[in-house]
Amino acid sequence: MEHQHLGSCLCGAATFKVEGVFDRFFLCHCTHCRKDTGSAHAANLFSSTAKFEWLSGQDKVQTYHLPQTRHVRCFCSACGSAMPHVTNEFLVVPAGCLDTELALTPDAHIFVASRAAWDANLASIPVFDAFPS
């Protein structure tokens, strides 16, 4: 079954389409991904077969390769949003940049040896639907 997903950056300058299925969905806790996101982990989708197409703003997308690693970060130069990139093996799509609903749950947490100390027992903290008063 063919699946289609649309996505964009925060400012809307860069938009894209993915046709196909995602093979894996990982929450990566490595130090590089935590620095990239400024958060506990990156949420990335991987596909070895999906077709990827920029619909607009490809000229706004910048790529940073961390020297002496396989780590790559693509982002919108206007707003800084994480954007998809293609490696020799995979299409990598940050899950948060999708505009269409994703009917997948993550397959695994990876690189948990690098997990931030404050990223523990998060299910036990209060939950709010909006900014708490």
N, C-alpha and C. Protein backbone atom coordinates (compact mmCIF):
# COMPACT_ATOMS: atom_id res chain seq x y z
N MET A 1 0.84 -1.19 0.00
CA MET A 1 0.00 0.00 0.00
C MET A 1 0.88 1.24 0.00
N GLU A 2 0.61 2.14 -0.89
CA GLU A 2 1.39 3.38 -1.01
C GLU A 2 0.87 4.41 0.00
N HIS A 3 1.78 5.04 0.70
CA HIS A 3 1.44 6.06 1.68
C HIS A 3 2.05 7.38 1.22
N GLN A 4 1.37 8.47 1.51
CA GLN A 4 1.90 9.79 1.18
C GLN A 4 1.87 10.67 2.42
N HIS A 5 2.95 11.36 2.66
CA HIS A 5 3.04 12.31 3.76
C HIS A 5 3.52 13.64 3.22
N LEU A 6 2.97 14.72 3.76
CA LEU A 6 3.40 16.07 3.45
C LEU A 6 4.04 16.65 4.70
N GLY A 7 5.00 17.55 4.49
CA GLY A 7 5.66 18.17 5.62
C GLY A 7 6.17 19.54 5.29
N SER A 8 6.55 20.28 6.34
CA SER A 8 7.06 21.63 6.14
C SER A 8 7.85 22.07 7.36
N CYS A 9 8.54 23.19 7.19
CA CYS A 9 9.24 23.81 8.31
C CYS A 9 8.26 24.72 9.05
N LEU A 10 8.72 25.28 10.14
CA LEU A 10 7.88 26.14 10.97
C LEU A 10 7.38 27.37 10.23
N CYS A 11 8.22 27.98 9.41
CA CYS A 11 7.81 29.21 8.70
C CYS A 11 7.10 28.92 7.39
N GLY A 12 7.11 27.66 6.94
CA GLY A 12 6.43 27.29 5.71
C GLY A 12 7.22 27.53 4.44
N ALA A 13 8.46 27.99 4.55
CA ALA A 13 9.28 28.24 3.36
C ALA A 13 9.64 26.95 2.63
N ALA A 14 9.91 25.89 3.38
CA ALA A 14 10.31 24.61 2.78
C ALA A 14 9.18 23.59 2.99
N THR A 15 8.74 23.00 1.89
CA THR A 15 7.70 21.97 1.95
C THR A 15 8.15 20.76 1.15
N PHE A 16 7.64 19.59 1.52
CA PHE A 16 8.07 18.36 0.86
C PHE A 16 6.96 17.32 0.86
N LYS A 17 7.21 16.26 0.07
CA LYS A 17 6.29 15.13 -0.02
C LYS A 17 7.12 13.85 0.08
N VAL A 18 6.60 12.88 0.84
CA VAL A 18 7.19 11.55 0.92
C VAL A 18 6.13 10.56 0.46
N GLU A 19 6.48 9.72 -0.50
CA GLU A 19 5.58 8.66 -0.96
C GLU A 19 6.24 7.33 -0.67
N GLY A 20 5.56 6.51 0.12
CA GLY A 20 6.10 5.21 0.50
C GLY A 20 5.92 4.98 1.98
N VAL A 21 6.56 3.94 2.47
CA VAL A 21 6.43 3.57 3.87
C VAL A 21 7.72 3.85 4.62
N PHE A 22 7.57 4.10 5.91
CA PHE A 22 8.72 4.25 6.78
C PHE A 22 9.05 2.88 7.37
N ASP A 23 10.33 2.51 7.32
CA ASP A 23 10.77 1.22 7.83
C ASP A 23 10.92 1.22 9.35
N ARG A 24 11.45 2.32 9.87
CA ARG A 24 11.73 2.40 11.31
C ARG A 24 11.40 3.79 11.82
N PHE A 25 11.12 3.85 13.12
CA PHE A 25 10.83 5.10 13.81
C PHE A 25 11.58 5.03 15.14
N PHE A 26 12.66 5.81 15.25
CA PHE A 26 13.50 5.77 16.43
C PHE A 26 13.49 7.09 17.19
N LEU A 27 13.55 7.00 18.50
CA LEU A 27 13.78 8.13 19.38
C LEU A 27 15.25 8.04 19.79
N CYS A 28 16.07 8.93 19.26
CA CYS A 28 17.51 8.85 19.48
C CYS A 28 17.95 9.79 20.59
N HIS A 29 18.62 9.22 21.58
CA HIS A 29 19.08 9.96 22.75
C HIS A 29 20.57 10.29 22.69
N CYS A 30 21.22 10.10 21.53
CA CYS A 30 22.65 10.38 21.45
C CYS A 30 22.90 11.87 21.70
N THR A 31 24.10 12.17 22.11
CA THR A 31 24.46 13.55 22.42
C THR A 31 24.24 14.47 21.22
N HIS A 32 24.56 13.99 20.02
CA HIS A 32 24.40 14.82 18.83
C HIS A 32 22.94 15.17 18.59
N CYS A 33 22.05 14.20 18.70
CA CYS A 33 20.62 14.45 18.49
C CYS A 33 20.04 15.34 19.58
N ARG A 34 20.52 15.18 20.81
CA ARG A 34 20.05 16.06 21.89
C ARG A 34 20.48 17.49 21.62
N LYS A 35 21.69 17.70 21.12
CA LYS A 35 22.16 19.06 20.78
C LYS A 35 21.34 19.62 19.61
N ASP A 36 21.08 18.76 18.60
CA ASP A 36 20.29 19.19 17.44
C ASP A 36 18.92 19.72 17.84
N THR A 37 18.26 19.01 18.72
CA THR A 37 16.88 19.33 19.05
C THR A 37 16.75 20.23 20.27
N GLY A 38 17.77 20.28 21.10
CA GLY A 38 17.66 21.01 22.36
C GLY A 38 16.70 20.33 23.30
N SER A 39 16.49 19.03 23.11
CA SER A 39 15.50 18.29 23.86
C SER A 39 16.07 16.94 24.31
N ALA A 40 15.21 16.10 24.81
CA ALA A 40 15.62 14.80 25.32
C ALA A 40 16.07 13.84 24.23
N HIS A 41 15.50 13.99 23.04
CA HIS A 41 15.82 13.07 21.95
C HIS A 41 15.33 13.63 20.63
N ALA A 42 15.82 13.05 19.56
CA ALA A 42 15.28 13.32 18.23
C ALA A 42 14.29 12.20 17.91
N ALA A 43 13.26 12.51 17.16
CA ALA A 43 12.27 11.52 16.72
C ALA A 43 12.37 11.45 15.19
N ASN A 44 13.06 10.42 14.70
CA ASN A 44 13.33 10.33 13.27
C ASN A 44 12.73 9.07 12.65
N LEU A 45 12.17 9.27 11.46
CA LEU A 45 11.62 8.19 10.64
C LEU A 45 12.63 7.84 9.56
N PHE A 46 12.78 6.55 9.27
CA PHE A 46 13.73 6.08 8.29
C PHE A 46 13.02 5.26 7.23
N SER A 47 13.41 5.46 5.97
CA SER A 47 12.88 4.64 4.88
C SER A 47 13.98 4.35 3.87
N SER A 48 14.04 3.10 3.44
CA SER A 48 15.00 2.72 2.41
C SER A 48 14.36 2.69 1.03
N THR A 49 13.03 2.87 0.97
CA THR A 49 12.33 2.75 -0.31
C THR A 49 11.45 3.94 -0.68
N ALA A 50 11.11 4.78 0.26
CA ALA A 50 10.19 5.90 -0.02
C ALA A 50 10.82 6.90 -0.99
N LYS A 51 9.95 7.54 -1.75
CA LYS A 51 10.39 8.59 -2.68
C LYS A 51 10.17 9.93 -2.01
N PHE A 52 11.17 10.80 -2.15
CA PHE A 52 11.16 12.10 -1.50
C PHE A 52 11.22 13.20 -2.55
N GLU A 53 10.42 14.26 -2.34
CA GLU A 53 10.41 15.38 -3.28
C GLU A 53 10.22 16.69 -2.53
N TRP A 54 11.09 17.66 -2.82
CA TRP A 54 10.89 19.01 -2.31
C TRP A 54 9.79 19.66 -3.14
N LEU A 55 8.79 20.24 -2.50
CA LEU A 55 7.72 20.96 -3.21
C LEU A 55 8.02 22.44 -3.30
N SER A 56 8.71 22.98 -2.31
CA SER A 56 9.13 24.38 -2.32
C SER A 56 10.26 24.57 -1.32
N GLY A 57 11.03 25.62 -1.53
CA GLY A 57 12.02 26.04 -0.56
C GLY A 57 13.27 25.19 -0.42
N GLN A 58 13.56 24.32 -1.38
CA GLN A 58 14.78 23.51 -1.28
C GLN A 58 16.01 24.40 -1.12
N ASP A 59 15.97 25.59 -1.73
CA ASP A 59 17.09 26.53 -1.64
C ASP A 59 17.26 27.10 -0.22
N LYS A 60 16.25 26.95 0.62
CA LYS A 60 16.32 27.41 2.01
C LYS A 60 16.93 26.36 2.94
N VAL A 61 17.03 25.12 2.46
CA VAL A 61 17.48 24.02 3.32
C VAL A 61 19.00 23.94 3.31
N GLN A 62 19.57 23.97 4.50
CA GLN A 62 21.01 23.86 4.70
C GLN A 62 21.33 22.50 5.32
N THR A 63 22.53 22.02 5.06
CA THR A 63 22.97 20.74 5.60
C THR A 63 24.25 20.93 6.38
N TYR A 64 24.28 20.37 7.58
CA TYR A 64 25.48 20.39 8.42
C TYR A 64 25.91 18.95 8.68
N HIS A 65 27.14 18.62 8.30
CA HIS A 65 27.74 17.32 8.59
C HIS A 65 28.70 17.50 9.75
N LEU A 66 28.45 16.82 10.84
CA LEU A 66 29.35 16.91 11.99
C LEU A 66 30.66 16.21 11.61
N PRO A 67 31.77 16.94 11.63
CA PRO A 67 33.04 16.35 11.20
C PRO A 67 33.38 15.06 11.94
N GLN A 68 33.93 14.13 11.19
CA GLN A 68 34.41 12.84 11.69
C GLN A 68 33.32 11.97 12.29
N THR A 69 32.04 12.21 11.87
CA THR A 69 30.92 11.37 12.31
C THR A 69 30.00 11.14 11.11
N ARG A 70 29.01 10.29 11.28
CA ARG A 70 27.96 10.10 10.28
C ARG A 70 26.79 11.05 10.52
N HIS A 71 26.89 11.87 11.55
CA HIS A 71 25.77 12.72 11.95
C HIS A 71 25.56 13.86 10.95
N VAL A 72 24.30 14.00 10.50
CA VAL A 72 23.90 15.04 9.56
C VAL A 72 22.67 15.74 10.11
N ARG A 73 22.64 17.06 9.96
CA ARG A 73 21.44 17.82 10.34
C ARG A 73 21.07 18.72 9.18
N CYS A 74 19.86 18.57 8.67
CA CYS A 74 19.33 19.47 7.65
C CYS A 74 18.29 20.35 8.32
N PHE A 75 18.27 21.63 7.92
CA PHE A 75 17.39 22.57 8.58
C PHE A 75 17.05 23.72 7.65
N CYS A 76 15.91 24.36 7.91
CA CYS A 76 15.50 25.54 7.16
C CYS A 76 16.37 26.71 7.62
N SER A 77 16.99 27.40 6.67
CA SER A 77 17.85 28.53 7.02
C SER A 77 17.06 29.74 7.50
N ALA A 78 15.75 29.78 7.22
CA ALA A 78 14.92 30.90 7.66
C ALA A 78 14.45 30.73 9.10
N CYS A 79 13.99 29.52 9.48
CA CYS A 79 13.42 29.34 10.82
C CYS A 79 14.15 28.31 11.68
N GLY A 80 15.07 27.55 11.10
CA GLY A 80 15.85 26.59 11.88
C GLY A 80 15.22 25.23 12.07
N SER A 81 14.02 25.02 11.54
CA SER A 81 13.34 23.74 11.72
C SER A 81 14.13 22.59 11.11
N ALA A 82 14.12 21.45 11.79
CA ALA A 82 14.75 20.24 11.26
C ALA A 82 14.01 19.79 10.01
N MET A 83 14.77 19.40 8.99
CA MET A 83 14.21 19.00 7.71
C MET A 83 14.77 17.64 7.31
N PRO A 84 14.10 16.94 6.40
CA PRO A 84 14.57 15.62 5.95
C PRO A 84 15.90 15.69 5.20
N HIS A 85 16.59 14.56 5.18
CA HIS A 85 17.78 14.43 4.36
C HIS A 85 17.90 12.99 3.87
N VAL A 86 18.65 12.84 2.80
CA VAL A 86 18.85 11.53 2.20
C VAL A 86 20.30 11.14 2.37
N THR A 87 20.53 9.94 2.92
CA THR A 87 21.88 9.41 3.04
C THR A 87 22.06 8.37 1.93
N ASN A 88 23.19 7.69 1.92
CA ASN A 88 23.40 6.62 0.95
C ASN A 88 22.45 5.45 1.18
N GLU A 89 21.98 5.31 2.42
CA GLU A 89 21.14 4.17 2.78
C GLU A 89 19.67 4.50 2.99
N PHE A 90 19.38 5.68 3.53
CA PHE A 90 18.04 5.99 3.99
C PHE A 90 17.60 7.40 3.67
N LEU A 91 16.29 7.55 3.65
CA LEU A 91 15.66 8.86 3.79
C LEU A 91 15.42 9.00 5.28
N VAL A 92 15.83 10.11 5.85
CA VAL A 92 15.63 10.37 7.28
C VAL A 92 14.71 11.58 7.40
N VAL A 93 13.56 11.39 8.06
CA VAL A 93 12.57 12.45 8.19
C VAL A 93 12.31 12.72 9.68
N PRO A 94 12.61 13.94 10.16
CA PRO A 94 12.23 14.27 11.53
C PRO A 94 10.71 14.21 11.65
N ALA A 95 10.21 13.41 12.56
CA ALA A 95 8.77 13.17 12.66
C ALA A 95 7.99 14.46 12.91
N GLY A 96 8.56 15.39 13.63
CA GLY A 96 7.88 16.63 13.96
C GLY A 96 7.64 17.57 12.79
N CYS A 97 8.30 17.35 11.67
CA CYS A 97 8.10 18.25 10.53
C CYS A 97 7.00 17.76 9.59
N LEU A 98 6.38 16.62 9.91
CA LEU A 98 5.27 16.14 9.08
C LEU A 98 4.01 16.93 9.39
N ASP A 99 3.28 17.27 8.35
CA ASP A 99 1.99 17.95 8.50
C ASP A 99 0.83 16.97 8.47
N THR A 100 1.04 15.83 7.88
CA THR A 100 0.00 14.79 7.83
C THR A 100 0.12 13.91 9.07
N GLU A 101 -1.00 13.32 9.44
CA GLU A 101 -1.04 12.46 10.62
C GLU A 101 -0.17 11.22 10.39
N LEU A 102 0.56 10.83 11.41
CA LEU A 102 1.42 9.66 11.35
C LEU A 102 0.82 8.56 12.21
N ALA A 103 0.47 7.45 11.59
CA ALA A 103 -0.18 6.35 12.31
C ALA A 103 0.85 5.31 12.77
N LEU A 104 1.98 5.78 13.24
CA LEU A 104 3.03 4.89 13.74
C LEU A 104 3.40 5.29 15.16
N THR A 105 3.87 4.34 15.91
CA THR A 105 4.48 4.64 17.20
C THR A 105 5.96 4.29 17.08
N PRO A 106 6.80 4.93 17.86
CA PRO A 106 8.24 4.64 17.76
C PRO A 106 8.54 3.16 17.99
N ASP A 107 9.55 2.67 17.27
CA ASP A 107 9.99 1.28 17.41
C ASP A 107 10.89 1.10 18.62
N ALA A 108 11.69 2.12 18.93
CA ALA A 108 12.64 1.97 20.03
C ALA A 108 13.26 3.30 20.41
N HIS A 109 13.74 3.35 21.65
CA HIS A 109 14.65 4.40 22.10
C HIS A 109 16.04 3.87 21.78
N ILE A 110 16.89 4.69 21.15
CA ILE A 110 18.24 4.24 20.83
C ILE A 110 19.27 5.19 21.45
N PHE A 111 20.48 4.69 21.63
CA PHE A 111 21.58 5.41 22.25
C PHE A 111 21.20 5.92 23.64
N VAL A 112 20.52 5.07 24.40
CA VAL A 112 20.08 5.48 25.74
C VAL A 112 21.23 5.61 26.73
N ALA A 113 22.39 5.10 26.39
CA ALA A 113 23.56 5.30 27.25
C ALA A 113 23.92 6.78 27.32
N SER A 114 23.50 7.55 26.31
CA SER A 114 23.75 8.99 26.27
C SER A 114 22.56 9.80 26.79
N ARG A 115 21.54 9.14 27.26
CA ARG A 115 20.31 9.81 27.72
C ARG A 115 20.63 10.86 28.78
N ALA A 116 19.94 11.99 28.71
CA ALA A 116 20.11 13.06 29.70
C ALA A 116 19.63 12.57 31.07
N ALA A 117 20.30 13.00 32.11
CA ALA A 117 19.95 12.57 33.47
C ALA A 117 18.52 12.96 33.83
N TRP A 118 18.04 14.10 33.32
CA TRP A 118 16.69 14.58 33.64
C TRP A 118 15.60 13.86 32.84
N ASP A 119 16.01 13.01 31.91
CA ASP A 119 15.06 12.28 31.07
C ASP A 119 14.76 10.91 31.67
N ALA A 120 14.20 10.92 32.86
CA ALA A 120 13.84 9.67 33.54
C ALA A 120 12.50 9.87 34.24
N ASN A 121 11.70 8.86 34.25
CA ASN A 121 10.40 8.88 34.93
C ASN A 121 9.51 10.02 34.46
N LEU A 122 9.58 10.37 33.19
CA LEU A 122 8.80 11.49 32.68
C LEU A 122 7.30 11.22 32.71
N ALA A 123 6.91 9.97 32.69
CA ALA A 123 5.48 9.63 32.73
C ALA A 123 4.86 10.00 34.08
N SER A 124 5.69 10.22 35.09
CA SER A 124 5.16 10.50 36.42
C SER A 124 4.97 12.00 36.71
N ILE A 125 5.36 12.87 35.80
CA ILE A 125 5.21 14.31 36.05
C ILE A 125 3.85 14.80 35.57
N PRO A 126 3.38 15.94 36.08
CA PRO A 126 2.05 16.45 35.68
C PRO A 126 1.95 16.70 34.17
N VAL A 127 0.74 16.58 33.67
CA VAL A 127 0.45 16.78 32.24
C VAL A 127 -0.60 17.88 32.11
N PHE A 128 -0.40 18.82 31.19
CA PHE A 128 -1.33 19.93 30.95
C PHE A 128 -1.66 19.98 29.47
N ASP A 129 -2.88 20.34 29.12
CA ASP A 129 -3.28 20.50 27.72
C ASP A 129 -2.75 21.77 27.10
N ALA A 130 -2.35 22.72 27.90
CA ALA A 130 -1.81 24.00 27.43
C ALA A 130 -0.78 24.48 28.45
N PHE A 131 -0.25 25.68 28.27
CA PHE A 131 0.72 26.24 29.20
C PHE A 131 0.05 26.37 30.57
N PRO A 132 0.68 25.82 31.62
CA PRO A 132 0.03 25.88 32.95
C PRO A 132 -0.04 27.31 33.49
N SER A 133 -1.09 27.58 34.25
CA SER A 133 -1.26 28.94 34.81
C SER A 133 -0.54 29.07 36.12
